[in-house]
């Protein structure tokens, strides 16, 4: 199982592929807006990266940037699209 440990704003988060997938199974994807080009694809659904990362960490979306979330999530071996 893939485990990723990251520190954001001084707090450490440990993310596992299983944890992320469990969240994605119960989450409804928000609409991809404008030129949103970073998303996580899971079970045929496209989830905005910030939606997934906020749900996984509990952080508000203003606390991180999309590129950081994208890099962290894609290191957890989830399918991704750009």
Protein backbone atom coordinates (compact mmCIF):
# COMPACT_ATOMS: atom_id res chain seq x y z
CA UNK A 1 0.00 0.00 0.00
CA UNK A 2 1.26 3.45 -0.88
CA UNK A 3 1.72 5.88 2.00
CA UNK A 4 2.53 9.56 1.51
CA UNK A 5 3.49 11.84 4.41
CA UNK A 6 3.36 15.59 3.81
CA UNK A 7 3.66 18.69 5.98
CA UNK A 8 1.49 21.71 5.23
CA UNK A 9 1.57 24.83 7.37
CA UNK A 10 3.46 22.94 10.07
CA UNK A 11 1.00 20.05 10.35
CA UNK A 12 1.87 16.56 9.12
CA UNK A 13 -0.61 14.44 7.20
CA UNK A 14 -0.27 10.78 6.33
CA UNK A 15 -2.29 9.76 3.30
CA UNK A 16 -2.77 6.22 2.07
CA UNK A 17 -4.15 5.10 -1.24
CA UNK A 18 -6.85 3.15 0.61
CA UNK A 19 -7.93 6.21 2.62
CA UNK A 20 -8.13 8.39 -0.49
CA UNK A 21 -10.10 5.75 -2.40
CA UNK A 22 -12.55 5.31 0.49
CA UNK A 23 -13.23 9.04 0.48
CA UNK A 24 -13.65 9.08 -3.29
CA UNK A 25 -16.20 6.24 -3.10
CA UNK A 26 -18.57 8.33 -0.97
CA UNK A 27 -17.82 11.76 -2.47
CA UNK A 28 -19.82 13.32 -5.29
CA UNK A 29 -17.57 15.19 -7.70
CA UNK A 30 -18.05 18.90 -8.07
CA UNK A 31 -18.34 20.31 -11.55
CA UNK A 32 -15.01 21.09 -13.21
CA UNK A 33 -15.14 24.83 -13.72
CA UNK A 34 -13.60 27.07 -16.35
CA UNK A 35 -10.25 25.85 -17.49
CA UNK A 36 -9.81 23.38 -14.62
CA UNK A 37 -7.31 20.96 -16.04
CA UNK A 38 -6.20 19.10 -12.94
CA UNK A 39 -8.46 16.37 -11.67
CA UNK A 40 -8.41 12.89 -10.23
CA UNK A 41 -10.31 10.24 -12.14
CA UNK A 42 -11.85 7.47 -10.05
CA UNK A 43 -14.55 4.97 -11.02
CA UNK A 44 -15.21 6.93 -14.20
CA UNK A 45 -15.76 10.20 -12.33
CA UNK A 46 -13.58 13.30 -12.49
CA UNK A 47 -12.95 15.05 -9.18
CA UNK A 48 -11.35 18.49 -8.89
CA UNK A 49 -8.00 18.08 -7.15
CA UNK A 50 -8.77 20.74 -4.54
CA UNK A 51 -12.06 19.06 -3.63
CA UNK A 52 -10.31 15.73 -3.02
CA UNK A 53 -7.36 17.18 -1.11
CA UNK A 54 -9.58 19.31 1.12
CA UNK A 55 -11.73 16.29 1.92
CA UNK A 56 -8.74 14.04 2.63
CA UNK A 57 -6.89 16.51 4.87
CA UNK A 58 -9.74 18.54 6.32
CA UNK A 59 -7.95 21.71 5.26
CA UNK A 60 -9.84 24.67 3.80
CA UNK A 61 -9.11 25.12 0.10
CA UNK A 62 -7.36 28.43 0.65
CA UNK A 63 -4.71 26.66 2.78
CA UNK A 64 -3.01 24.97 -0.20
CA UNK A 65 -2.44 25.45 -3.91
CA UNK A 66 -3.71 23.16 -6.62
CA UNK A 67 -0.25 22.16 -7.83
CA UNK A 68 0.79 20.97 -4.37
CA UNK A 69 -2.41 18.96 -3.99
CA UNK A 70 -1.98 17.51 -7.48
CA UNK A 71 1.60 16.43 -6.81
CA UNK A 72 0.73 14.88 -3.46
CA UNK A 73 -2.31 13.00 -4.72
CA UNK A 74 -0.60 11.69 -7.81
CA UNK A 75 2.15 10.29 -5.59
CA UNK A 76 -0.53 8.17 -3.94
CA UNK A 77 -0.85 6.15 -7.14
CA UNK A 78 -4.30 7.35 -8.11
CA UNK A 79 -5.14 7.70 -11.76
CA UNK A 80 -4.76 11.26 -12.87
CA UNK A 81 -5.43 13.38 -15.90
CA UNK A 82 -3.99 16.67 -17.00
